[in-house]
Amino acid sequence: MEYSKGYFANHWCEKGHIVHCLEGTFISNLKTGESSFLSSGISYIVSNNLDSHLSITENGVKLLIIDGDFLKNEELNYKQLNYNF
């Protein structure tokens, strides 16, 4: 998925995802007030209905996003992972 320069999500997303930043940077805001800055090579996980999130990018970003029912596990919470793929 590609978000253009100045993208600001217009809603809180409730879906679970595994997100890997391929190129660029963005900020992921959680409804809890937490924010994470992600750049190329960084991945994160959000769970269905547990980690409502909203994305913002100033200069644009390319992301690999994997959705799935396996992210419904209530034991799985927001985690930022530093993986080099």
Protein backbone atom coordinates (compact mmCIF):
# COMPACT_ATOMS: atom_id res chain seq x y z
CA MET A 1 0.00 0.00 0.00
CA GLU A 2 1.23 3.49 -0.70
CA TYR A 3 0.19 6.61 1.21
CA SER A 4 0.89 9.88 -0.57
CA LYS A 5 2.63 12.93 0.84
CA GLY A 6 0.52 14.55 3.56
CA TYR A 7 -1.71 11.48 4.15
CA PHE A 8 -3.76 11.67 7.37
CA ALA A 9 -6.24 8.83 7.98
CA ASN A 10 -9.80 10.10 8.40
CA HIS A 11 -10.86 7.32 10.81
CA TRP A 12 -9.61 5.02 13.57
CA CYS A 13 -8.91 1.58 12.13
CA GLU A 14 -10.08 -1.35 14.28
CA LYS A 15 -8.64 -4.13 12.08
CA GLY A 16 -5.58 -6.16 12.98
CA HIS A 17 -2.53 -5.93 10.73
CA ILE A 18 1.10 -6.80 10.45
CA VAL A 19 2.71 -3.77 8.84
CA HIS A 20 6.23 -3.54 7.42
CA CYS A 21 7.54 -0.17 6.23
CA LEU A 22 9.23 -0.63 2.85
CA GLU A 23 10.09 2.97 2.08
CA GLY A 24 9.54 6.34 3.75
CA THR A 25 8.27 7.15 7.24
CA PHE A 26 4.96 7.41 9.07
CA ILE A 27 3.46 7.79 12.51
CA SER A 28 1.01 5.29 13.94
CA ASN A 29 -1.18 6.80 16.66
CA LEU A 30 -3.14 4.57 19.04
CA LYS A 31 -6.40 5.65 20.67
CA THR A 32 -4.63 5.12 24.00
CA GLY A 33 -2.49 8.16 23.20
CA GLU A 34 0.66 6.24 22.31
CA SER A 35 2.48 7.10 19.07
CA SER A 36 5.20 5.28 17.18
CA PHE A 37 7.45 6.61 14.43
CA LEU A 38 8.21 3.96 11.83
CA SER A 39 10.71 4.07 9.00
CA SER A 40 12.08 1.71 6.35
CA GLY A 41 12.78 -1.75 7.75
CA ILE A 42 10.56 -1.47 10.84
CA SER A 43 7.47 -3.64 11.37
CA TYR A 44 4.63 -3.57 13.86
CA ILE A 45 1.56 -5.56 14.83
CA VAL A 46 -1.88 -4.33 15.86
CA SER A 47 -4.69 -6.63 17.05
CA ASN A 48 -8.33 -6.64 15.95
CA ASN A 49 -10.50 -4.42 18.17
CA LEU A 50 -7.71 -3.95 20.73
CA ASP A 51 -5.35 -1.45 19.14
CA SER A 52 -7.38 1.21 17.34
CA HIS A 53 -4.88 3.10 15.23
CA LEU A 54 -4.59 6.02 12.82
CA SER A 55 -1.72 6.61 10.38
CA ILE A 56 -0.07 9.85 9.29
CA THR A 57 2.78 10.49 6.86
CA GLU A 58 4.36 13.80 6.01
CA ASN A 59 6.39 12.76 2.97
CA GLY A 60 4.66 9.55 1.84
CA VAL A 61 5.28 5.88 2.64
CA LYS A 62 5.17 2.44 1.03
CA LEU A 63 3.95 -0.37 3.30
CA LEU A 64 3.50 -4.12 3.17
CA ILE A 65 0.28 -4.82 5.10
CA ILE A 66 -0.93 -8.29 6.04
CA ASP A 67 -4.48 -8.62 7.41
CA GLY A 68 -5.91 -11.75 8.95
CA ASP A 69 -8.20 -13.39 11.47
CA PHE A 70 -5.13 -14.73 13.27
CA LEU A 71 -4.76 -11.22 14.70
CA LYS A 72 -7.97 -11.59 16.75
CA ASN A 73 -6.08 -13.22 19.63
CA GLU A 74 -6.76 -11.09 22.71
CA GLU A 75 -3.34 -12.04 24.07
CA LEU A 76 -1.67 -10.21 21.17
CA ASN A 77 -1.17 -6.51 21.87
CA TYR A 78 0.53 -3.69 20.01
CA LYS A 79 4.19 -4.52 19.46
CA GLN A 80 6.85 -2.71 17.50
CA LEU A 81 9.43 -5.05 16.03
CA ASN A 82 12.78 -4.18 14.53
CA TYR A 83 13.22 -6.80 11.82
CA ASN A 84 15.48 -6.54 8.83
CA PHE A 85 13.77 -8.32 5.95
